[in-house]
Amino acid sequence: MENSGSNIIMDKNDVDRTLTRIAHEIWERNRGAENIAFIGIRKRGVTIAKRLSAKLKEFEDAEIPVGALDINLYRDDLSEIASQPILKQTEIPFSIKDQKIILCDDVLYTGRTVRAALDAIIDLGRPKVIRLAVLIDRGFRQLPIQPNFVGKNVTAEKGELFEVFFEEDDGKDEVIISREPLDGT
Protein backbone atom coordinates (compact mmCIF):
# COMPACT_ATOMS: atom_id res chain seq x y z
CA MET A 1 0.00 0.00 0.00
CA GLU A 2 2.76 2.43 -0.89
CA ASN A 3 1.44 5.84 -1.84
CA SER A 4 2.68 9.38 -2.18
CA GLY A 5 1.97 9.99 1.52
CA SER A 6 4.37 7.22 2.59
CA ASN A 7 7.77 7.74 4.15
CA ILE A 8 10.42 5.07 4.53
CA ILE A 9 11.60 5.23 8.14
CA MET A 10 13.83 2.13 8.02
CA ASP A 11 15.58 0.58 5.05
CA LYS A 12 17.31 -2.81 4.75
CA ASN A 13 20.48 -1.63 6.49
CA ASP A 14 18.52 0.05 9.30
CA VAL A 15 16.49 -3.11 9.93
CA ASP A 16 19.58 -5.33 10.01
CA ARG A 17 21.54 -2.96 12.26
CA THR A 18 18.57 -2.61 14.61
CA LEU A 19 18.01 -6.35 14.95
CA THR A 20 21.74 -6.87 15.55
CA ARG A 21 21.61 -4.30 18.36
CA ILE A 22 18.54 -5.91 19.92
CA ALA A 23 20.23 -9.35 19.78
CA HIS A 24 23.27 -7.92 21.59
CA GLU A 25 21.04 -6.30 24.21
CA ILE A 26 19.24 -9.61 24.80
CA TRP A 27 22.56 -11.44 25.11
CA GLU A 28 23.98 -8.84 27.51
CA ARG A 29 20.89 -8.68 29.72
CA ASN A 30 20.79 -12.48 29.89
CA ARG A 31 24.60 -12.84 30.28
CA GLY A 32 24.60 -15.32 27.42
CA ALA A 33 22.03 -17.42 25.62
CA GLU A 34 21.21 -20.02 28.26
CA ASN A 35 17.51 -20.86 28.66
CA ILE A 36 16.43 -18.27 26.07
CA ALA A 37 13.64 -19.06 23.62
CA PHE A 38 11.99 -16.76 21.11
CA ILE A 39 8.27 -16.68 20.40
CA GLY A 40 7.07 -14.52 17.54
CA ILE A 41 3.54 -13.23 17.16
CA ARG A 42 2.33 -14.22 13.71
CA LYS A 43 3.21 -13.01 11.15
CA ARG A 44 6.13 -10.64 11.21
CA GLY A 45 6.97 -11.24 14.86
CA VAL A 46 7.97 -14.75 13.81
CA THR A 47 10.39 -13.35 11.23
CA ILE A 48 11.90 -11.09 13.89
CA ALA A 49 12.23 -14.05 16.29
CA LYS A 50 14.00 -16.15 13.64
CA ARG A 51 16.39 -13.35 12.76
CA LEU A 52 17.22 -12.63 16.42
CA SER A 53 17.86 -16.33 17.00
CA ALA A 54 20.20 -16.44 13.99
CA LYS A 55 22.06 -13.34 15.19
CA LEU A 56 22.55 -14.81 18.66
CA LYS A 57 23.89 -17.98 17.04
CA GLU A 58 26.48 -15.86 15.21
CA PHE A 59 28.14 -14.63 18.40
CA GLU A 60 27.10 -17.26 20.94
CA ASP A 61 27.19 -20.38 18.74
CA ALA A 62 24.06 -21.71 20.41
CA GLU A 63 20.81 -22.95 18.92
CA ILE A 64 18.06 -20.72 20.29
CA PRO A 65 14.60 -22.24 19.78
CA VAL A 66 11.94 -20.24 17.95
CA GLY A 67 8.18 -20.63 18.17
CA ALA A 68 5.26 -19.04 16.35
CA LEU A 69 2.15 -17.84 18.17
CA ASP A 70 -1.33 -17.25 16.75
CA ILE A 71 -3.25 -14.93 19.10
CA ASN A 72 -6.53 -14.67 17.17
CA LEU A 73 -8.64 -16.57 19.71
CA TYR A 74 -7.20 -14.46 22.55
CA ARG A 75 -8.07 -11.08 21.06
CA ASP A 76 -10.46 -8.91 23.08
CA ASP A 77 -11.98 -7.55 19.86
CA LEU A 78 -12.68 -10.94 18.27
CA SER A 79 -16.42 -10.36 17.97
CA GLU A 80 -15.79 -7.03 16.25
CA ILE A 81 -13.42 -8.27 13.56
CA ALA A 82 -15.00 -11.50 12.28
CA SER A 83 -17.60 -14.09 13.08
CA GLN A 84 -15.20 -16.81 11.88
CA PRO A 85 -11.62 -15.69 12.58
CA ILE A 86 -8.87 -17.00 10.33
CA LEU A 87 -6.75 -19.21 12.52
CA LYS A 88 -3.10 -19.80 11.86
CA GLN A 89 -1.07 -22.42 13.59
CA THR A 90 0.69 -21.92 16.90
CA GLU A 91 3.96 -23.81 16.69
CA ILE A 92 6.01 -23.95 19.89
CA PRO A 93 8.27 -27.00 19.47
CA PHE A 94 9.82 -26.70 22.94
CA SER A 95 8.74 -26.58 26.56
CA ILE A 96 8.35 -23.04 27.84
CA LYS A 97 8.68 -24.17 31.47
CA ASP A 98 11.49 -22.24 33.17
CA GLN A 99 12.52 -20.62 29.87
CA LYS A 100 13.36 -16.95 29.42
CA ILE A 101 10.88 -16.16 26.67
CA ILE A 102 11.54 -13.25 24.34
CA LEU A 103 8.18 -12.37 22.81
CA CYS A 104 8.68 -10.67 19.44
CA ASP A 105 6.40 -8.37 17.45
CA ASP A 106 6.88 -5.84 14.69
CA VAL A 107 4.94 -2.78 15.91
CA LEU A 108 3.79 -2.06 19.47
CA TYR A 109 0.79 0.25 19.55
CA THR A 110 -2.09 -0.15 22.02
CA GLY A 111 -0.67 -3.19 23.82
CA ARG A 112 -3.73 -5.34 23.12
CA THR A 113 -1.91 -7.76 20.81
CA VAL A 114 0.79 -8.29 23.43
CA ARG A 115 -1.84 -8.83 26.14
CA ALA A 116 -3.44 -11.52 23.99
CA ALA A 117 -0.03 -13.11 23.37
CA LEU A 118 0.73 -13.18 27.10
CA ASP A 119 -2.56 -14.98 27.76
CA ALA A 120 -1.76 -17.52 25.03
CA ILE A 121 1.75 -18.16 26.37
CA ILE A 122 0.54 -18.63 29.95
CA ASP A 123 -1.97 -21.20 28.68
CA LEU A 124 1.02 -23.19 27.38
CA GLY A 125 2.89 -23.25 30.68
CA ARG A 126 4.87 -21.11 33.06
CA PRO A 127 8.07 -19.58 31.75
CA LYS A 128 10.69 -18.15 34.08
CA VAL A 129 10.21 -14.69 32.54
CA ILE A 130 8.65 -13.12 29.45
CA ARG A 131 10.36 -10.12 27.88
CA LEU A 132 9.09 -8.13 24.92
CA ALA A 133 11.16 -7.20 21.85
CA VAL A 134 9.64 -4.96 19.18
CA LEU A 135 11.02 -3.40 16.03
CA ILE A 136 8.87 -0.25 16.34
CA ASP A 137 7.28 1.31 19.44
CA ARG A 138 4.79 3.91 18.27
CA GLY A 139 3.21 4.79 21.61
CA PHE A 140 -0.50 5.44 22.35
CA ARG A 141 -0.77 2.48 24.72
CA GLN A 142 -4.20 1.50 26.03
CA LEU A 143 -2.76 -1.07 28.43
CA PRO A 144 0.22 -0.81 30.81
CA ILE A 145 2.60 -2.79 28.58
CA GLN A 146 6.14 -1.65 27.81
CA PRO A 147 8.80 -3.36 25.69
CA ASN A 148 12.12 -4.51 27.15
CA PHE A 149 13.91 -4.24 23.80
CA VAL A 150 13.00 -1.57 21.24
CA GLY A 151 14.38 -1.12 17.77
CA LYS A 152 13.04 2.36 17.15
CA ASN A 153 10.68 4.69 19.01
CA VAL A 154 8.54 6.64 16.57
CA THR A 155 6.08 9.31 17.59
CA ALA A 156 3.19 8.87 15.21
CA GLU A 157 -0.25 10.36 14.96
CA LYS A 158 -3.29 8.15 15.44
CA GLY A 159 -4.13 8.30 11.72
CA GLU A 160 -0.72 7.04 10.66
CA LEU A 161 -0.10 3.43 9.68
CA PHE A 162 3.10 1.42 9.91
CA GLU A 163 3.89 -1.23 7.35
CA VAL A 164 6.75 -3.60 8.08
CA PHE A 165 8.18 -5.61 5.21
CA PHE A 166 10.67 -8.45 5.48
CA GLU A 167 12.59 -10.17 2.71
CA GLU A 168 11.27 -13.58 3.78
CA ASP A 169 7.63 -12.48 3.67
CA ASP A 170 7.50 -9.55 1.24
CA GLY A 171 10.67 -9.55 -0.86
CA LYS A 172 12.22 -6.50 0.83
CA ASP A 173 13.26 -5.17 4.24
CA GLU A 174 11.61 -1.83 4.93
CA VAL A 175 9.42 0.02 7.39
CA ILE A 176 7.02 2.60 5.99
CA ILE A 177 4.80 5.11 7.77
CA SER A 178 1.80 6.49 5.90
CA ARG A 179 -1.44 8.35 6.50
CA GLU A 180 -4.72 6.44 6.51
CA PRO A 181 -6.88 7.46 3.59
CA LEU A 182 -9.74 9.63 4.87
CA ASP A 183 -12.23 8.52 2.22
CA GLY A 184 -11.79 4.78 2.80
CA THR A 185 -9.77 4.21 -0.38
C-alpha atoms as a PDB file:
ATOM      1  CA  MET A   1       0.000   0.000   0.000  1.00  0.00           C
ATOM      2  CA  GLU A   2       2.762   2.432  -0.893  1.00  0.00           C
ATOM      3  CA  ASN A   3       1.441   5.838  -1.835  1.00  0.00           C
ATOM      4  CA  SER A   4       2.680   9.380  -2.178  1.00  0.00           C
ATOM      5  CA  GLY A   5       1.967   9.985   1.524  1.00  0.00           C
ATOM      6  CA  SER A   6       4.371   7.223   2.594  1.00  0.00           C
ATOM      7  CA  ASN A   7       7.769   7.740   4.154  1.00  0.00           C
ATOM      8  CA  ILE A   8      10.422   5.071   4.530  1.00  0.00           C
ATOM      9  CA  ILE A   9      11.599   5.229   8.137  1.00  0.00           C
ATOM     10  CA  MET A  10      13.834   2.125   8.020  1.00  0.00           C
ATOM     11  CA  ASP A  11      15.577   0.584   5.050  1.00  0.00           C
ATOM     12  CA  LYS A  12      17.306  -2.812   4.745  1.00  0.00           C
ATOM     13  CA  ASN A  13      20.484  -1.628   6.494  1.00  0.00           C
ATOM     14  CA  ASP A  14      18.517   0.052   9.299  1.00  0.00           C
ATOM     15  CA  VAL A  15      16.488  -3.108   9.926  1.00  0.00           C
ATOM     16  CA  ASP A  16      19.580  -5.329  10.006  1.00  0.00           C
ATOM     17  CA  ARG A  17      21.542  -2.956  12.256  1.00  0.00           C
ATOM     18  CA  THR A  18      18.567  -2.606  14.608  1.00  0.00           C
ATOM     19  CA  LEU A  19      18.006  -6.354  14.949  1.00  0.00           C
ATOM     20  CA  THR A  20      21.740  -6.867  15.552  1.00  0.00           C
ATOM     21  CA  ARG A  21      21.614  -4.296  18.362  1.00  0.00           C
ATOM     22  CA  ILE A  22      18.537  -5.913  19.915  1.00  0.00           C
ATOM     23  CA  ALA A  23      20.227  -9.348  19.779  1.00  0.00           C
ATOM     24  CA  HIS A  24      23.266  -7.924  21.591  1.00  0.00           C
ATOM     25  CA  GLU A  25      21.036  -6.300  24.214  1.00  0.00           C
ATOM     26  CA  ILE A  26      19.239  -9.609  24.802  1.00  0.00           C
ATOM     27  CA  TRP A  27      22.564 -11.438  25.112  1.00  0.00           C
ATOM     28  CA  GLU A  28      23.984  -8.837  27.510  1.00  0.00           C
ATOM     29  CA  ARG A  29      20.895  -8.680  29.719  1.00  0.00           C
ATOM     30  CA  ASN A  30      20.786 -12.483  29.895  1.00  0.00           C
ATOM     31  CA  ARG A  31      24.596 -12.842  30.280  1.00  0.00           C
ATOM     32  CA  GLY A  32      24.604 -15.321  27.416  1.00  0.00           C
ATOM     33  CA  ALA A  33      22.035 -17.423  25.620  1.00  0.00           C
ATOM     34  CA  GLU A  34      21.209 -20.017  28.258  1.00  0.00           C
ATOM     35  CA  ASN A  35      17.510 -20.859  28.659  1.00  0.00           C
ATOM     36  CA  ILE A  36      16.426 -18.267  26.069  1.00  0.00           C
ATOM     37  CA  ALA A  37      13.643 -19.059  23.623  1.00  0.00           C
ATOM     38  CA  PHE A  38      11.992 -16.757  21.105  1.00  0.00           C
ATOM     39  CA  ILE A  39       8.265 -16.682  20.396  1.00  0.00           C
ATOM     40  CA  GLY A  40       7.074 -14.523  17.536  1.00  0.00           C
ATOM     41  CA  ILE A  41       3.537 -13.229  17.163  1.00  0.00           C
ATOM     42  CA  ARG A  42       2.326 -14.217  13.710  1.00  0.00           C
ATOM     43  CA  LYS A  43       3.206 -13.015  11.153  1.00  0.00           C
ATOM     44  CA  ARG A  44       6.130 -10.636  11.208  1.00  0.00           C
ATOM     45  CA  GLY A  45       6.975 -11.238  14.856  1.00  0.00           C
ATOM     46  CA  VAL A  46       7.967 -14.749  13.806  1.00  0.00           C
ATOM     47  CA  THR A  47      10.387 -13.355  11.230  1.00  0.00           C
ATOM     48  CA  ILE A  48      11.901 -11.091  13.891  1.00  0.00           C
ATOM     49  CA  ALA A  49      12.226 -14.052  16.291  1.00  0.00           C
ATOM     50  CA  LYS A  50      13.995 -16.150  13.644  1.00  0.00           C
ATOM     51  CA  ARG A  51      16.387 -13.348  12.762  1.00  0.00           C
ATOM     52  CA  LEU A  52      17.217 -12.634  16.416  1.00  0.00           C
ATOM     53  CA  SER A  53      17.861 -16.334  17.000  1.00  0.00           C
ATOM     54  CA  ALA A  54      20.202 -16.439  13.994  1.00  0.00           C
ATOM     55  CA  LYS A  55      22.059 -13.337  15.194  1.00  0.00           C
ATOM     56  CA  LEU A  56      22.550 -14.815  18.661  1.00  0.00           C
ATOM     57  CA  LYS A  57      23.893 -17.979  17.041  1.00  0.00           C
ATOM     58  CA  GLU A  58      26.482 -15.855  15.210  1.00  0.00           C
ATOM     59  CA  PHE A  59      28.141 -14.628  18.400  1.00  0.00           C
ATOM     60  CA  GLU A  60      27.100 -17.261  20.944  1.00  0.00           C
ATOM     61  CA  ASP A  61      27.186 -20.379  18.736  1.00  0.00           C
ATOM     62  CA  ALA A  62      24.060 -21.714  20.406  1.00  0.00           C
ATOM     63  CA  GLU A  63      20.811 -22.951  18.915  1.00  0.00           C
ATOM     64  CA  ILE A  64      18.061 -20.721  20.295  1.00  0.00           C
ATOM     65  CA  PRO A  65      14.600 -22.241  19.783  1.00  0.00           C
ATOM     66  CA  VAL A  66      11.938 -20.242  17.950  1.00  0.00           C
ATOM     67  CA  GLY A  67       8.183 -20.628  18.171  1.00  0.00           C
ATOM     68  CA  ALA A  68       5.257 -19.039  16.354  1.00  0.00           C
ATOM     69  CA  LEU A  69       2.151 -17.841  18.173  1.00  0.00           C
ATOM     70  CA  ASP A  70      -1.327 -17.251  16.752  1.00  0.00           C
ATOM     71  CA  ILE A  71      -3.249 -14.932  19.095  1.00  0.00           C
ATOM     72  CA  ASN A  72      -6.535 -14.669  17.170  1.00  0.00           C
ATOM     73  CA  LEU A  73      -8.643 -16.572  19.711  1.00  0.00           C
ATOM     74  CA  TYR A  74      -7.195 -14.463  22.554  1.00  0.00           C
ATOM     75  CA  ARG A  75      -8.073 -11.078  21.060  1.00  0.00           C
ATOM     76  CA  ASP A  76     -10.459  -8.911  23.078  1.00  0.00           C
ATOM     77  CA  ASP A  77     -11.982  -7.552  19.856  1.00  0.00           C
ATOM     78  CA  LEU A  78     -12.679 -10.938  18.271  1.00  0.00           C
ATOM     79  CA  SER A  79     -16.422 -10.357  17.974  1.00  0.00           C
ATOM     80  CA  GLU A  80     -15.794  -7.029  16.247  1.00  0.00           C
ATOM     81  CA  ILE A  81     -13.420  -8.273  13.561  1.00  0.00           C
ATOM     82  CA  ALA A  82     -14.996 -11.500  12.282  1.00  0.00           C
ATOM     83  CA  SER A  83     -17.604 -14.092  13.084  1.00  0.00           C
ATOM     84  CA  GLN A  84     -15.204 -16.805  11.876  1.00  0.00           C
ATOM     85  CA  PRO A  85     -11.615 -15.693  12.576  1.00  0.00           C
ATOM     86  CA  ILE A  86      -8.873 -17.000  10.333  1.00  0.00           C
ATOM     87  CA  LEU A  87      -6.749 -19.215  12.525  1.00  0.00           C
ATOM     88  CA  LYS A  88      -3.103 -19.795  11.862  1.00  0.00           C
ATOM     89  CA  GLN A  89      -1.066 -22.416  13.590  1.00  0.00           C
ATOM     90  CA  THR A  90       0.687 -21.919  16.902  1.00  0.00           C
ATOM     91  CA  GLU A  91       3.962 -23.814  16.689  1.00  0.00           C
ATOM     92  CA  ILE A  92       6.006 -23.946  19.885  1.00  0.00           C
ATOM     93  CA  PRO A  93       8.266 -27.001  19.473  1.00  0.00           C
ATOM     94  CA  PHE A  94       9.822 -26.705  22.937  1.00  0.00           C
ATOM     95  CA  SER A  95       8.744 -26.584  26.558  1.00  0.00           C
ATOM     96  CA  ILE A  96       8.354 -23.038  27.839  1.00  0.00           C
ATOM     97  CA  LYS A  97       8.680 -24.174  31.468  1.00  0.00           C
ATOM     98  CA  ASP A  98      11.487 -22.238  33.169  1.00  0.00           C
ATOM     99  CA  GLN A  99      12.524 -20.618  29.870  1.00  0.00           C
ATOM    100  CA  LYS A 100      13.356 -16.953  29.420  1.00  0.00           C
ATOM    101  CA  ILE A 101      10.879 -16.162  26.671  1.00  0.00           C
ATOM    102  CA  ILE A 102      11.540 -13.252  24.343  1.00  0.00           C
ATOM    103  CA  LEU A 103       8.176 -12.372  22.809  1.00  0.00           C
ATOM    104  CA  CYS A 104       8.681 -10.669  19.437  1.00  0.00           C
ATOM    105  CA  ASP A 105       6.396  -8.368  17.451  1.00  0.00           C
ATOM    106  CA  ASP A 106       6.881  -5.844  14.686  1.00  0.00           C
ATOM    107  CA  VAL A 107       4.942  -2.781  15.911  1.00  0.00           C
ATOM    108  CA  LEU A 108       3.789  -2.064  19.468  1.00  0.00           C
ATOM    109  CA  TYR A 109       0.792   0.253  19.553  1.00  0.00           C
ATOM    110  CA  THR A 110      -2.092  -0.150  22.020  1.00  0.00           C
ATOM    111  CA  GLY A 111      -0.674  -3.192  23.815  1.00  0.00           C
ATOM    112  CA  ARG A 112      -3.729  -5.343  23.125  1.00  0.00           C
ATOM    113  CA  THR A 113      -1.908  -7.755  20.805  1.00  0.00           C
ATOM    114  CA  VAL A 114       0.788  -8.294  23.429  1.00  0.00           C
ATOM    115  CA  ARG A 115      -1.835  -8.830  26.141  1.00  0.00           C
ATOM    116  CA  ALA A 116      -3.437 -11.524  23.992  1.00  0.00           C
ATOM    117  CA  ALA A 117      -0.025 -13.112  23.372  1.00  0.00           C
ATOM    118  CA  LEU A 118       0.732 -13.182  27.103  1.00  0.00           C
ATOM    119  CA  ASP A 119      -2.556 -14.983  27.755  1.00  0.00           C
ATOM    120  CA  ALA A 120      -1.759 -17.523  25.028  1.00  0.00           C
ATOM    121  CA  ILE A 121       1.752 -18.161  26.372  1.00  0.00           C
ATOM    122  CA  ILE A 122       0.543 -18.629  29.950  1.00  0.00           C
ATOM    123  CA  ASP A 123      -1.969 -21.196  28.682  1.00  0.00           C
ATOM    124  CA  LEU A 124       1.017 -23.192  27.376  1.00  0.00           C
ATOM    125  CA  GLY A 125       2.894 -23.249  30.681  1.00  0.00           C
ATOM    126  CA  ARG A 126       4.867 -21.110  33.060  1.00  0.00           C
ATOM    127  CA  PRO A 127       8.066 -19.578  31.745  1.00  0.00           C
ATOM    128  CA  LYS A 128      10.687 -18.145  34.081  1.00  0.00           C
ATOM    129  CA  VAL A 129      10.212 -14.686  32.544  1.00  0.00           C
ATOM    130  CA  ILE A 130       8.651 -13.117  29.451  1.00  0.00           C
ATOM    131  CA  ARG A 131      10.356 -10.123  27.882  1.00  0.00           C
ATOM    132  CA  LEU A 132       9.088  -8.134  24.923  1.00  0.00           C
ATOM    133  CA  ALA A 133      11.165  -7.204  21.849  1.00  0.00           C
ATOM    134  CA  VAL A 134       9.640  -4.955  19.181  1.00  0.00           C
ATOM    135  CA  LEU A 135      11.017  -3.404  16.029  1.00  0.00           C
ATOM    136  CA  ILE A 136       8.866  -0.250  16.343  1.00  0.00           C
ATOM    137  CA  ASP A 137       7.281   1.315  19.438  1.00  0.00           C
ATOM    138  CA  ARG A 138       4.786   3.909  18.267  1.00  0.00           C
ATOM    139  CA  GLY A 139       3.211   4.795  21.611  1.00  0.00           C
ATOM    140  CA  PHE A 140      -0.500   5.439  22.348  1.00  0.00           C
ATOM    141  CA  ARG A 141      -0.771   2.476  24.719  1.00  0.00           C
ATOM    142  CA  GLN A 142      -4.203   1.504  26.026  1.00  0.00           C
ATOM    143  CA  LEU A 143      -2.762  -1.067  28.430  1.00  0.00           C
ATOM    144  CA  PRO A 144       0.221  -0.814  30.808  1.00  0.00           C
ATOM    145  CA  ILE A 145       2.601  -2.787  28.580  1.00  0.00           C
ATOM    146  CA  GLN A 146       6.144  -1.651  27.812  1.00  0.00           C
ATOM    147  CA  PRO A 147       8.797  -3.361  25.690  1.00  0.00           C
ATOM    148  CA  ASN A 148      12.116  -4.507  27.146  1.00  0.00           C
ATOM    149  CA  PHE A 149      13.913  -4.243  23.800  1.00  0.00           C
ATOM    150  CA  VAL A 150      12.999  -1.571  21.243  1.00  0.00           C
ATOM    151  CA  GLY A 151      14.379  -1.118  17.774  1.00  0.00           C
ATOM    152  CA  LYS A 152      13.041   2.358  17.153  1.00  0.00           C
ATOM    153  CA  ASN A 153      10.685   4.694  19.014  1.00  0.00           C
ATOM    154  CA  VAL A 154       8.538   6.637  16.568  1.00  0.00           C
ATOM    155  CA  THR A 155       6.084   9.314  17.591  1.00  0.00           C
ATOM    156  CA  ALA A 156       3.194   8.871  15.211  1.00  0.00           C
ATOM    157  CA  GLU A 157      -0.245  10.364  14.956  1.00  0.00           C
ATOM    158  CA  LYS A 158      -3.286   8.145  15.437  1.00  0.00           C
ATOM    159  CA  GLY A 159      -4.130   8.301  11.716  1.00  0.00           C
ATOM    160  CA  GLU A 160      -0.718   7.039  10.656  1.00  0.00           C
ATOM    161  CA  LEU A 161      -0.097   3.429   9.677  1.00  0.00           C
ATOM    162  CA  PHE A 162       3.102   1.420   9.911  1.00  0.00           C
ATOM    163  CA  GLU A 163       3.886  -1.235   7.353  1.00  0.00           C
ATOM    164  CA  VAL A 164       6.751  -3.595   8.079  1.00  0.00           C
ATOM    165  CA  PHE A 165       8.183  -5.609   5.210  1.00  0.00           C
ATOM    166  CA  PHE A 166      10.674  -8.454   5.475  1.00  0.00           C
ATOM    167  CA  GLU A 167      12.591 -10.171   2.707  1.00  0.00           C
ATOM    168  CA  GLU A 168      11.269 -13.580   3.782  1.00  0.00           C
ATOM    169  CA  ASP A 169       7.628 -12.475   3.671  1.00  0.00           C
ATOM    170  CA  ASP A 170       7.501  -9.550   1.239  1.00  0.00           C
ATOM    171  CA  GLY A 171      10.674  -9.550  -0.858  1.00  0.00           C
ATOM    172  CA  LYS A 172      12.221  -6.499   0.831  1.00  0.00           C
ATOM    173  CA  ASP A 173      13.257  -5.167   4.238  1.00  0.00           C
ATOM    174  CA  GLU A 174      11.615  -1.829   4.926  1.00  0.00           C
ATOM    175  CA  VAL A 175       9.421   0.022   7.394  1.00  0.00           C
ATOM    176  CA  ILE A 176       7.018   2.602   5.991  1.00  0.00           C
ATOM    177  CA  ILE A 177       4.803   5.110   7.767  1.00  0.00           C
ATOM    178  CA  SER A 178       1.804   6.493   5.898  1.00  0.00           C
ATOM    179  CA  ARG A 179      -1.436   8.354   6.503  1.00  0.00           C
ATOM    180  CA  GLU A 180      -4.718   6.438   6.514  1.00  0.00           C
ATOM    181  CA  PRO A 181      -6.885   7.460   3.592  1.00  0.00           C
ATOM    182  CA  LEU A 182      -9.740   9.631   4.867  1.00  0.00           C
ATOM    183  CA  ASP A 183     -12.227   8.515   2.218  1.00  0.00           C
ATOM    184  CA  GLY A 184     -11.793   4.782   2.795  1.00  0.00           C
ATOM    185  CA  THR A 185      -9.773   4.213  -0.382  1.00  0.00           C
END
